[in-house]
Amino acid sequence: MLKLEYPDKLKDPKIKELLGKLDTTEDVLKFNERLFRPSREGQKNNQKLKTYDKKTMLKLLQYKKKHGHSTSYMSKKYKISRTTLTKWKLMFDEDLEDPIKKADK
C-alpha cells in the first residue's frame, strides 16, 4: 500500500486543480518540486522511481545542447544520472539533429 507523506495536501482545492493539469513527466516533476521540498535523505531512493516520457527527455537534451551545458551539470541540476543522460543522447541523437521531428513521435 502506498503511504502518502503529506495526505492533507490532497484536500487542498488548488492542489486538486493542479493535479488535473498534469500531462507530461515534466509537469509532474515541476509540480512535485513546487509542492515538496527535496530532502537530502532519500534522494537516491527517489531516483529509482522516476520515469520520463520521450517529449521530456528530448526537451532536457535540447536544453543541454542549446545552452552548452555539460552532462555533469545537467545530472546535478535535474538529479538524473550521467549514464542515463548519455543513453538518452544515443537513443535520440537523430531527433536532436532534425528539428522537424522533435518529440511528436
PDB file of N, CA and C in Angstrom:
ATOM      1  N   MET A   1       0.837  -1.187   0.000  1.00  0.00           N
ATOM      2  CA  MET A   1       0.000   0.000   0.000  1.00  0.00           C
ATOM      3  C   MET A   1       0.876   1.242   0.000  1.00  0.00           C
ATOM      4  N   LEU A   2       0.491   2.221  -0.778  1.00  0.00           N
ATOM      5  CA  LEU A   2       1.219   3.469  -0.893  1.00  0.00           C
ATOM      6  C   LEU A   2       0.932   4.354   0.308  1.00  0.00           C
ATOM      7  N   LYS A   3       1.992   4.826   0.945  1.00  0.00           N
ATOM      8  CA  LYS A   3       1.845   5.724   2.088  1.00  0.00           C
ATOM      9  C   LYS A   3       2.179   7.133   1.627  1.00  0.00           C
ATOM     10  N   LEU A   4       1.247   8.031   1.750  1.00  0.00           N
ATOM     11  CA  LEU A   4       1.465   9.420   1.375  1.00  0.00           C
ATOM     12  C   LEU A   4       2.117  10.168   2.525  1.00  0.00           C
ATOM     13  N   GLU A   5       3.137  10.948   2.177  1.00  0.00           N
ATOM     14  CA  GLU A   5       3.857  11.692   3.198  1.00  0.00           C
ATOM     15  C   GLU A   5       3.060  12.897   3.689  1.00  0.00           C
ATOM     16  N   TYR A   6       2.296  13.505   2.781  1.00  0.00           N
ATOM     17  CA  TYR A   6       1.503  14.684   3.127  1.00  0.00           C
ATOM     18  C   TYR A   6       0.059  14.505   2.645  1.00  0.00           C
ATOM     19  N   PRO A   7      -0.700  13.577   3.215  1.00  0.00           N
ATOM     20  CA  PRO A   7      -2.059  13.320   2.712  1.00  0.00           C
ATOM     21  C   PRO A   7      -2.991  14.526   2.836  1.00  0.00           C
ATOM     22  N   ASP A   8      -2.721  15.410   3.777  1.00  0.00           N
ATOM     23  CA  ASP A   8      -3.579  16.581   3.964  1.00  0.00           C
ATOM     24  C   ASP A   8      -3.501  17.537   2.769  1.00  0.00           C
ATOM     25  N   LYS A   9      -2.401  17.516   2.034  1.00  0.00           N
ATOM     26  CA  LYS A   9      -2.256  18.412   0.880  1.00  0.00           C
ATOM     27  C   LYS A   9      -3.198  18.028  -0.255  1.00  0.00           C
ATOM     28  N   LEU A  10      -3.623  16.773  -0.303  1.00  0.00           N
ATOM     29  CA  LEU A  10      -4.530  16.329  -1.359  1.00  0.00           C
ATOM     30  C   LEU A  10      -5.936  16.909  -1.195  1.00  0.00           C
ATOM     31  N   LYS A  11      -6.252  17.424  -0.017  1.00  0.00           N
ATOM     32  CA  LYS A  11      -7.570  18.004   0.240  1.00  0.00           C
ATOM     33  C   LYS A  11      -7.668  19.457  -0.237  1.00  0.00           C
ATOM     34  N   ASP A  12      -6.527  20.070  -0.486  1.00  0.00           N
ATOM     35  CA  ASP A  12      -6.489  21.461  -0.913  1.00  0.00           C
ATOM     36  C   ASP A  12      -7.044  21.582  -2.336  1.00  0.00           C
ATOM     37  N   PRO A  13      -8.081  22.427  -2.545  1.00  0.00           N
ATOM     38  CA  PRO A  13      -8.690  22.570  -3.875  1.00  0.00           C
ATOM     39  C   PRO A  13      -7.705  23.035  -4.951  1.00  0.00           C
ATOM     40  N   LYS A  14      -6.766  23.900  -4.592  1.00  0.00           N
ATOM     41  CA  LYS A  14      -5.780  24.370  -5.560  1.00  0.00           C
ATOM     42  C   LYS A  14      -4.900  23.214  -6.033  1.00  0.00           C
ATOM     43  N   ILE A  15      -4.531  22.352  -5.114  1.00  0.00           N
ATOM     44  CA  ILE A  15      -3.694  21.204  -5.469  1.00  0.00           C
ATOM     45  C   ILE A  15      -4.480  20.232  -6.333  1.00  0.00           C
ATOM     46  N   LYS A  16      -5.745  20.020  -5.993  1.00  0.00           N
ATOM     47  CA  LYS A  16      -6.594  19.147  -6.817  1.00  0.00           C
ATOM     48  C   LYS A  16      -6.680  19.667  -8.247  1.00  0.00           C
ATOM     49  N   GLU A  17      -6.829  20.981  -8.385  1.00  0.00           N
ATOM     50  CA  GLU A  17      -6.912  21.587  -9.712  1.00  0.00           C
ATOM     51  C   GLU A  17      -5.598  21.395 -10.478  1.00  0.00           C
ATOM     52  N   LEU A  18      -4.491  21.622  -9.785  1.00  0.00           N
ATOM     53  CA  LEU A  18      -3.177  21.456 -10.422  1.00  0.00           C
ATOM     54  C   LEU A  18      -2.933  20.009 -10.840  1.00  0.00           C
ATOM     55  N   LEU A  19      -3.374  19.061 -10.021  1.00  0.00           N
ATOM     56  CA  LEU A  19      -3.196  17.647 -10.358  1.00  0.00           C
ATOM     57  C   LEU A  19      -3.905  17.293 -11.667  1.00  0.00           C
ATOM     58  N   GLY A  20      -5.028  17.929 -11.904  1.00  0.00           N
ATOM     59  CA  GLY A  20      -5.775  17.669 -13.127  1.00  0.00           C
ATOM     60  C   GLY A  20      -5.102  18.202 -14.380  1.00  0.00           C
ATOM     61  N   LYS A  21      -4.129  19.085 -14.218  1.00  0.00           N
ATOM     62  CA  LYS A  21      -3.442  19.699 -15.350  1.00  0.00           C
ATOM     63  C   LYS A  21      -2.110  19.022 -15.689  1.00  0.00           C
ATOM     64  N   LEU A  22      -1.784  17.934 -15.016  1.00  0.00           N
ATOM     65  CA  LEU A  22      -0.503  17.269 -15.247  1.00  0.00           C
ATOM     66  C   LEU A  22      -0.603  16.364 -16.470  1.00  0.00           C
ATOM     67  N   ASP A  23       0.099  16.746 -17.556  1.00  0.00           N
ATOM     68  CA  ASP A  23       0.037  15.985 -18.796  1.00  0.00           C
ATOM     69  C   ASP A  23       1.322  15.230 -19.105  1.00  0.00           C
ATOM     70  N   THR A  24       2.466  15.800 -18.758  1.00  0.00           N
ATOM     71  CA  THR A  24       3.740  15.172 -19.095  1.00  0.00           C
ATOM     72  C   THR A  24       4.547  14.908 -17.831  1.00  0.00           C
ATOM     73  N   THR A  25       5.596  14.148 -18.001  1.00  0.00           N
ATOM     74  CA  THR A  25       6.505  13.891 -16.891  1.00  0.00           C
ATOM     75  C   THR A  25       7.092  15.194 -16.383  1.00  0.00           C
ATOM     76  N   GLU A  26       7.387  16.089 -17.299  1.00  0.00           N
ATOM     77  CA  GLU A  26       7.950  17.385 -16.920  1.00  0.00           C
ATOM     78  C   GLU A  26       6.976  18.137 -16.007  1.00  0.00           C
ATOM     79  N   ASP A  27       5.683  18.095 -16.330  1.00  0.00           N
ATOM     80  CA  ASP A  27       4.669  18.737 -15.491  1.00  0.00           C
ATOM     81  C   ASP A  27       4.679  18.141 -14.084  1.00  0.00           C
ATOM     82  N   VAL A  28       4.773  16.837 -14.016  1.00  0.00           N
ATOM     83  CA  VAL A  28       4.773  16.142 -12.720  1.00  0.00           C
ATOM     84  C   VAL A  28       6.001  16.537 -11.904  1.00  0.00           C
ATOM     85  N   LEU A  29       7.171  16.581 -12.544  1.00  0.00           N
ATOM     86  CA  LEU A  29       8.393  16.944 -11.824  1.00  0.00           C
ATOM     87  C   LEU A  29       8.338  18.377 -11.300  1.00  0.00           C
ATOM     88  N   LYS A  30       7.851  19.290 -12.129  1.00  0.00           N
ATOM     89  CA  LYS A  30       7.728  20.685 -11.688  1.00  0.00           C
ATOM     90  C   LYS A  30       6.735  20.812 -10.538  1.00  0.00           C
ATOM     91  N   PHE A  31       5.614  20.098 -10.655  1.00  0.00           N
ATOM     92  CA  PHE A  31       4.597  20.115  -9.606  1.00  0.00           C
ATOM     93  C   PHE A  31       5.180  19.584  -8.298  1.00  0.00           C
ATOM     94  N   ASN A  32       5.878  18.464  -8.388  1.00  0.00           N
ATOM     95  CA  ASN A  32       6.478  17.845  -7.210  1.00  0.00           C
ATOM     96  C   ASN A  32       7.492  18.779  -6.564  1.00  0.00           C
ATOM     97  N   GLU A  33       8.268  19.460  -7.386  1.00  0.00           N
ATOM     98  CA  GLU A  33       9.275  20.389  -6.882  1.00  0.00           C
ATOM     99  C   GLU A  33       8.627  21.557  -6.144  1.00  0.00           C
ATOM    100  N   ARG A  34       7.520  22.048  -6.683  1.00  0.00           N
ATOM    101  CA  ARG A  34       6.806  23.159  -6.037  1.00  0.00           C
ATOM    102  C   ARG A  34       6.120  22.728  -4.745  1.00  0.00           C
ATOM    103  N   LEU A  35       5.593  21.512  -4.747  1.00  0.00           N
ATOM    104  CA  LEU A  35       4.797  21.044  -3.631  1.00  0.00           C
ATOM    105  C   LEU A  35       5.625  20.569  -2.444  1.00  0.00           C
ATOM    106  N   PHE A  36       6.712  19.870  -2.742  1.00  0.00           N
ATOM    107  CA  PHE A  36       7.511  19.267  -1.680  1.00  0.00           C
ATOM    108  C   PHE A  36       8.936  19.783  -1.736  1.00  0.00           C
ATOM    109  N   ARG A  37       9.468  20.061  -0.595  1.00  0.00           N
ATOM    110  CA  ARG A  37      10.873  20.442  -0.531  1.00  0.00           C
ATOM    111  C   ARG A  37      11.703  19.170  -0.620  1.00  0.00           C
ATOM    112  N   PRO A  38      12.699  19.155  -1.513  1.00  0.00           N
ATOM    113  CA  PRO A  38      13.522  17.949  -1.601  1.00  0.00           C
ATOM    114  C   PRO A  38      14.370  17.781  -0.348  1.00  0.00           C
ATOM    115  N   SER A  39      14.418  16.591   0.157  1.00  0.00           N
ATOM    116  CA  SER A  39      15.256  16.318   1.318  1.00  0.00           C
ATOM    117  C   SER A  39      16.500  15.585   0.847  1.00  0.00           C
ATOM    118  N   ARG A  40      17.563  15.756   1.559  1.00  0.00           N
ATOM    119  CA  ARG A  40      18.804  15.063   1.182  1.00  0.00           C
ATOM    120  C   ARG A  40      18.649  13.572   1.412  1.00  0.00           C
ATOM    121  N   GLU A  41      17.936  13.223   2.440  1.00  0.00           N
ATOM    122  CA  GLU A  41      17.702  11.819   2.730  1.00  0.00           C
ATOM    123  C   GLU A  41      16.663  11.288   1.746  1.00  0.00           C
ATOM    124  N   GLY A  42      16.987  10.226   1.098  1.00  0.00           N
ATOM    125  CA  GLY A  42      16.032   9.612   0.191  1.00  0.00           C
ATOM    126  C   GLY A  42      16.127  10.085  -1.242  1.00  0.00           C
ATOM    127  N   GLN A  43      17.009  11.036  -1.540  1.00  0.00           N
ATOM    128  CA  GLN A  43      17.132  11.486  -2.926  1.00  0.00           C
ATOM    129  C   GLN A  43      17.574  10.355  -3.830  1.00  0.00           C
ATOM    130  N   LYS A  44      18.508   9.540  -3.368  1.00  0.00           N
ATOM    131  CA  LYS A  44      18.986   8.439  -4.195  1.00  0.00           C
ATOM    132  C   LYS A  44      17.886   7.401  -4.390  1.00  0.00           C
ATOM    133  N   ASN A  45      17.089   7.149  -3.361  1.00  0.00           N
ATOM    134  CA  ASN A  45      15.995   6.191  -3.481  1.00  0.00           C
ATOM    135  C   ASN A  45      14.932   6.676  -4.454  1.00  0.00           C
ATOM    136  N   ASN A  46      14.671   7.977  -4.463  1.00  0.00           N
ATOM    137  CA  ASN A  46      13.659   8.529  -5.353  1.00  0.00           C
ATOM    138  C   ASN A  46      14.044   8.410  -6.813  1.00  0.00           C
ATOM    139  N   GLN A  47      15.357   8.365  -7.101  1.00  0.00           N
ATOM    140  CA  GLN A  47      15.809   8.247  -8.473  1.00  0.00           C
ATOM    141  C   GLN A  47      15.239   6.993  -9.133  1.00  0.00           C
ATOM    142  N   LYS A  48      15.127   5.929  -8.391  1.00  0.00           N
ATOM    143  CA  LYS A  48      14.640   4.674  -8.943  1.00  0.00           C
ATOM    144  C   LYS A  48      13.172   4.761  -9.348  1.00  0.00           C
ATOM    145  N   LEU A  49      12.453   5.725  -8.831  1.00  0.00           N
ATOM    146  CA  LEU A  49      11.029   5.838  -9.089  1.00  0.00           C
ATOM    147  C   LEU A  49      10.705   6.773 -10.247  1.00  0.00           C
ATOM    148  N   LYS A  50      11.687   7.503 -10.745  1.00  0.00           N
ATOM    149  CA  LYS A  50      11.426   8.473 -11.802  1.00  0.00           C
ATOM    150  C   LYS A  50      11.345   7.796 -13.164  1.00  0.00           C
ATOM    151  N   THR A  51      10.384   8.223 -13.956  1.00  0.00           N
ATOM    152  CA  THR A  51      10.296   7.807 -15.345  1.00  0.00           C
ATOM    153  C   THR A  51      10.032   9.052 -16.181  1.00  0.00           C
ATOM    154  N   TYR A  52      10.508   9.034 -17.397  1.00  0.00           N
ATOM    155  CA  TYR A  52      10.383  10.198 -18.260  1.00  0.00           C
ATOM    156  C   TYR A  52       9.769   9.783 -19.590  1.00  0.00           C
ATOM    157  N   ASP A  53       8.928  10.643 -20.136  1.00  0.00           N
ATOM    158  CA  ASP A  53       8.396  10.377 -21.470  1.00  0.00           C
ATOM    159  C   ASP A  53       9.367  10.962 -22.499  1.00  0.00           C
ATOM    160  N   LYS A  54       9.203  10.559 -23.750  1.00  0.00           N
ATOM    161  CA  LYS A  54      10.125  10.969 -24.806  1.00  0.00           C
ATOM    162  C   LYS A  54      10.172  12.494 -24.950  1.00  0.00           C
ATOM    163  N   LYS A  55       9.036  13.128 -24.867  1.00  0.00           N
ATOM    164  CA  LYS A  55       8.966  14.578 -25.011  1.00  0.00           C
ATOM    165  C   LYS A  55       9.845  15.276 -23.968  1.00  0.00           C
ATOM    166  N   THR A  56       9.782  14.808 -22.733  1.00  0.00           N
ATOM    167  CA  THR A  56      10.568  15.404 -21.657  1.00  0.00           C
ATOM    168  C   THR A  56      12.051  15.131 -21.846  1.00  0.00           C
ATOM    169  N   MET A  57      12.384  13.896 -22.255  1.00  0.00           N
ATOM    170  CA  MET A  57      13.788  13.558 -22.489  1.00  0.00           C
ATOM    171  C   MET A  57      14.382  14.467 -23.566  1.00  0.00           C
ATOM    172  N   LEU A  58      13.655  14.623 -24.663  1.00  0.00           N
ATOM    173  CA  LEU A  58      14.137  15.477 -25.748  1.00  0.00           C
ATOM    174  C   LEU A  58      14.256  16.928 -25.311  1.00  0.00           C
ATOM    175  N   LYS A  59      13.312  17.387 -24.532  1.00  0.00           N
ATOM    176  CA  LYS A  59      13.335  18.772 -24.068  1.00  0.00           C
ATOM    177  C   LYS A  59      14.582  19.027 -23.207  1.00  0.00           C
ATOM    178  N   LEU A  60      14.898  18.081 -22.332  1.00  0.00           N
ATOM    179  CA  LEU A  60      16.091  18.211 -21.490  1.00  0.00           C
ATOM    180  C   LEU A  60      17.368  18.176 -22.335  1.00  0.00           C
ATOM    181  N   LEU A  61      17.422  17.274 -23.324  1.00  0.00           N
ATOM    182  CA  LEU A  61      18.595  17.170 -24.187  1.00  0.00           C
ATOM    183  C   LEU A  61      18.756  18.417 -25.061  1.00  0.00           C
ATOM    184  N   GLN A  62      17.641  18.953 -25.549  1.00  0.00           N
ATOM    185  CA  GLN A  62      17.696  20.173 -26.358  1.00  0.00           C
ATOM    186  C   GLN A  62      18.159  21.364 -25.516  1.00  0.00           C
ATOM    187  N   TYR A  63      17.687  21.430 -24.282  1.00  0.00           N
ATOM    188  CA  TYR A  63      18.105  22.494 -23.360  1.00  0.00           C
ATOM    189  C   TYR A  63      19.614  22.404 -23.120  1.00  0.00           C
ATOM    190  N   LYS A  64      20.085  21.175 -22.884  1.00  0.00           N
ATOM    191  CA  LYS A  64      21.513  20.937 -22.649  1.00  0.00           C
ATOM    192  C   LYS A  64      22.331  21.409 -23.842  1.00  0.00           C
ATOM    193  N   LYS A  65      21.899  21.039 -25.024  1.00  0.00           N
ATOM    194  CA  LYS A  65      22.618  21.390 -26.250  1.00  0.00           C
ATOM    195  C   LYS A  65      22.574  22.902 -26.507  1.00  0.00           C
ATOM    196  N   LYS A  66      21.401  23.490 -26.376  1.00  0.00           N
ATOM    197  CA  LYS A  66      21.218  24.918 -26.664  1.00  0.00           C
ATOM    198  C   LYS A  66      22.105  25.800 -25.789  1.00  0.00           C
ATOM    199  N   HIS A  67      22.203  25.432 -24.507  1.00  0.00           N
ATOM    200  CA  HIS A  67      22.950  26.253 -23.563  1.00  0.00           C
ATOM    201  C   HIS A  67      24.381  25.773 -23.344  1.00  0.00           C
ATOM    202  N   GLY A  68      24.758  24.678 -24.011  1.00  0.00           N
ATOM    203  CA  GLY A  68      26.126  24.176 -23.912  1.00  0.00           C
ATOM    204  C   GLY A  68      26.487  23.619 -22.547  1.00  0.00           C
ATOM    205  N   HIS A  69      25.491  23.112 -21.828  1.00  0.00           N
ATOM    206  CA  HIS A  69      25.757  22.557 -20.502  1.00  0.00           C
ATOM    207  C   HIS A  69      26.403  21.178 -20.615  1.00  0.00           C
ATOM    208  N   SER A  70      27.205  20.856 -19.631  1.00  0.00           N
ATOM    209  CA  SER A  70      27.839  19.542 -19.585  1.00  0.00           C
ATOM    210  C   SER A  70      26.848  18.512 -19.052  1.00  0.00           C
ATOM    211  N   THR A  71      27.155  17.249 -19.294  1.00  0.00           N
ATOM    212  CA  THR A  71      26.328  16.166 -18.768  1.00  0.00           C
ATOM    213  C   THR A  71      26.342  16.197 -17.241  1.00  0.00           C
ATOM    214  N   SER A  72      27.494  16.499 -16.667  1.00  0.00           N
ATOM    215  CA  SER A  72      27.601  16.571 -15.196  1.00  0.00           C
ATOM    216  C   SER A  72      26.699  17.659 -14.623  1.00  0.00           C
ATOM    217  N   TYR A  73      26.688  18.824 -15.282  1.00  0.00           N
ATOM    218  CA  TYR A  73      25.832  19.925 -14.833  1.00  0.00           C
ATOM    219  C   TYR A  73      24.364  19.517 -14.862  1.00  0.00           C
ATOM    220  N   MET A  74      23.939  18.949 -15.989  1.00  0.00           N
ATOM    221  CA  MET A  74      22.538  18.529 -16.144  1.00  0.00           C
ATOM    222  C   MET A  74      22.178  17.447 -15.127  1.00  0.00           C
ATOM    223  N   SER A  75      23.124  16.559 -14.887  1.00  0.00           N
ATOM    224  CA  SER A  75      22.913  15.480 -13.930  1.00  0.00           C
ATOM    225  C   SER A  75      22.632  16.040 -12.538  1.00  0.00           C
ATOM    226  N   LYS A  76      23.421  17.005 -12.137  1.00  0.00           N
ATOM    227  CA  LYS A  76      23.238  17.614 -10.812  1.00  0.00           C
ATOM    228  C   LYS A  76      21.962  18.454 -10.760  1.00  0.00           C
ATOM    229  N   LYS A  77      21.724  19.235 -11.805  1.00  0.00           N
ATOM    230  CA  LYS A  77      20.574  20.137 -11.811  1.00  0.00           C
ATOM    231  C   LYS A  77      19.247  19.382 -11.776  1.00  0.00           C
ATOM    232  N   TYR A  78      19.133  18.298 -12.578  1.00  0.00           N
ATOM    233  CA  TYR A  78      17.868  17.576 -12.688  1.00  0.00           C
ATOM    234  C   TYR A  78      17.851  16.241 -11.951  1.00  0.00           C
ATOM    235  N   LYS A  79      18.941  15.962 -11.228  1.00  0.00           N
ATOM    236  CA  LYS A  79      19.047  14.721 -10.437  1.00  0.00           C
ATOM    237  C   LYS A  79      18.801  13.486 -11.302  1.00  0.00           C
ATOM    238  N   ILE A  80      19.478  13.470 -12.456  1.00  0.00           N
ATOM    239  CA  ILE A  80      19.432  12.346 -13.380  1.00  0.00           C
ATOM    240  C   ILE A  80      20.875  11.883 -13.542  1.00  0.00           C
ATOM    241  N   SER A  81      21.108  10.593 -13.539  1.00  0.00           N
ATOM    242  CA  SER A  81      22.481  10.114 -13.643  1.00  0.00           C
ATOM    243  C   SER A  81      23.097  10.484 -14.982  1.00  0.00           C
ATOM    244  N   ARG A  82      24.414  10.649 -14.983  1.00  0.00           N
ATOM    245  CA  ARG A  82      25.131  10.967 -16.219  1.00  0.00           C
ATOM    246  C   ARG A  82      24.951   9.838 -17.235  1.00  0.00           C
ATOM    247  N   THR A  83      24.926   8.614 -16.733  1.00  0.00           N
ATOM    248  CA  THR A  83      24.735   7.449 -17.601  1.00  0.00           C
ATOM    249  C   THR A  83      23.397   7.522 -18.312  1.00  0.00           C
ATOM    250  N   THR A  84      22.358   7.878 -17.590  1.00  0.00           N
ATOM    251  CA  THR A  84      21.019   7.985 -18.169  1.00  0.00           C
ATOM    252  C   THR A  84      20.983   9.070 -19.243  1.00  0.00           C
ATOM    253  N   LEU A  85      21.571  10.222 -18.961  1.00  0.00           N
ATOM    254  CA  LEU A  85      21.603  11.305 -19.940  1.00  0.00           C
ATOM    255  C   LEU A  85      22.350  10.884 -21.206  1.00  0.00           C
ATOM    256  N   THR A  86      23.435  10.154 -21.044  1.00  0.00           N
ATOM    257  CA  THR A  86      24.204   9.679 -22.192  1.00  0.00           C
ATOM    258  C   THR A  86      23.401   8.669 -23.001  1.00  0.00           C
ATOM    259  N   LYS A  87      22.683   7.789 -22.323  1.00  0.00           N
ATOM    260  CA  LYS A  87      21.829   6.816 -23.024  1.00  0.00           C
ATOM    261  C   LYS A  87      20.747   7.528 -23.825  1.00  0.00           C
ATOM    262  N   TRP A  88      20.147   8.545 -23.224  1.00  0.00           N
ATOM    263  CA  TRP A  88      19.111   9.312 -23.925  1.00  0.00           C
ATOM    264  C   TRP A  88      19.688   9.956 -25.181  1.00  0.00           C
ATOM    265  N   LYS A  89      20.894  10.535 -25.042  1.00  0.00           N
ATOM    266  CA  LYS A  89      21.516  11.200 -26.188  1.00  0.00           C
ATOM    267  C   LYS A  89      21.743  10.191 -27.313  1.00  0.00           C
ATOM    268  N   LEU A  90      22.216   9.015 -26.995  1.00  0.00           N
ATOM    269  CA  LEU A  90      22.429   7.986 -28.015  1.00  0.00           C
ATOM    270  C   LEU A  90      21.101   7.549 -28.641  1.00  0.00           C
ATOM    271  N   MET A  91      20.065   7.404 -27.820  1.00  0.00           N
ATOM    272  CA  MET A  91      18.756   6.966 -28.306  1.00  0.00           C
ATOM    273  C   MET A  91      18.105   7.997 -29.233  1.00  0.00           C
ATOM    274  N   PHE A  92      18.278   9.274 -28.902  1.00  0.00           N
ATOM    275  CA  PHE A  92      17.544  10.325 -29.598  1.00  0.00           C
ATOM    276  C   PHE A  92      18.442  11.250 -30.406  1.00  0.00           C
ATOM    277  N   ASP A  93      19.626  10.783 -30.755  1.00  0.00           N
ATOM    278  CA  ASP A  93      20.570  11.611 -31.489  1.00  0.00           C
ATOM    279  C   ASP A  93      19.958  12.131 -32.797  1.00  0.00           C
ATOM    280  N   GLU A  94      19.254  11.279 -33.528  1.00  0.00           N
ATOM    281  CA  GLU A  94      18.614  11.703 -34.782  1.00  0.00           C
ATOM    282  C   GLU A  94      17.562  12.775 -34.539  1.00  0.00           C
ATOM    283  N   ASP A  95      16.752  12.587 -33.510  1.00  0.00           N
ATOM    284  CA  ASP A  95      15.690  13.551 -33.198  1.00  0.00           C
ATOM    285  C   ASP A  95      16.268  14.913 -32.814  1.00  0.00           C
ATOM    286  N   LEU A  96      17.433  14.902 -32.182  1.00  0.00           N
ATOM    287  CA  LEU A  96      18.061  16.163 -31.783  1.00  0.00           C
ATOM    288  C   LEU A  96      18.632  16.897 -32.988  1.00  0.00           C
ATOM    289  N   GLU A  97      19.075  16.146 -34.004  1.00  0.00           N
ATOM    290  CA  GLU A  97      19.643  16.756 -35.197  1.00  0.00           C
ATOM    291  C   GLU A  97      18.564  17.294 -36.124  1.00  0.00           C
ATOM    292  N   ASP A  98      17.399  16.635 -36.164  1.00  0.00           N
ATOM    293  CA  ASP A  98      16.323  17.023 -37.077  1.00  0.00           C
ATOM    294  C   ASP A  98      15.231  17.752 -36.302  1.00  0.00           C
ATOM    295  N   PRO A  99      15.212  19.095 -36.327  1.00  0.00           N
ATOM    296  CA  PRO A  99      14.244  19.854 -35.524  1.00  0.00           C
ATOM    297  C   PRO A  99      12.795  19.634 -35.931  1.00  0.00           C
ATOM    298  N   ILE A 100      12.545  19.113 -37.129  1.00  0.00           N
ATOM    299  CA  ILE A 100      11.154  18.885 -37.577  1.00  0.00           C
ATOM    300  C   ILE A 100      10.538  17.720 -36.796  1.00  0.00           C
ATOM    301  N   LYS A 101      11.347  16.705 -36.509  1.00  0.00           N
ATOM    302  CA  LYS A 101      10.833  15.525 -35.819  1.00  0.00           C
ATOM    303  C   LYS A 101      10.428  15.845 -34.389  1.00  0.00           C
ATOM    304  N   LYS A 102      11.301  16.579 -33.700  1.00  0.00           N
ATOM    305  CA  LYS A 102      11.101  16.938 -32.296  1.00  0.00           C
ATOM    306  C   LYS A 102      10.558  15.770 -31.482  1.00  0.00           C
ATOM    307  N   ALA A 103       9.546  16.013 -30.659  1.00  0.00           N
ATOM    308  CA  ALA A 103       9.022  14.990 -29.754  1.00  0.00           C
ATOM    309  C   ALA A 103       7.665  14.469 -30.211  1.00  0.00           C
ATOM    310  N   ASP A 104       7.317  14.657 -31.460  1.00  0.00           N
ATOM    311  CA  ASP A 104       5.987  14.288 -31.927  1.00  0.00           C
ATOM    312  C   ASP A 104       5.800  12.803 -32.160  1.00  0.00           C
ATOM    313  N   LYS A 105       6.881  12.060 -32.139  1.00  0.00           N
ATOM    314  CA  LYS A 105       6.751  10.621 -32.383  1.00  0.00           C
ATOM    315  C   LYS A 105       6.072   9.928 -31.241  1.00  0.00           C
TER     316      LYS A 105
END
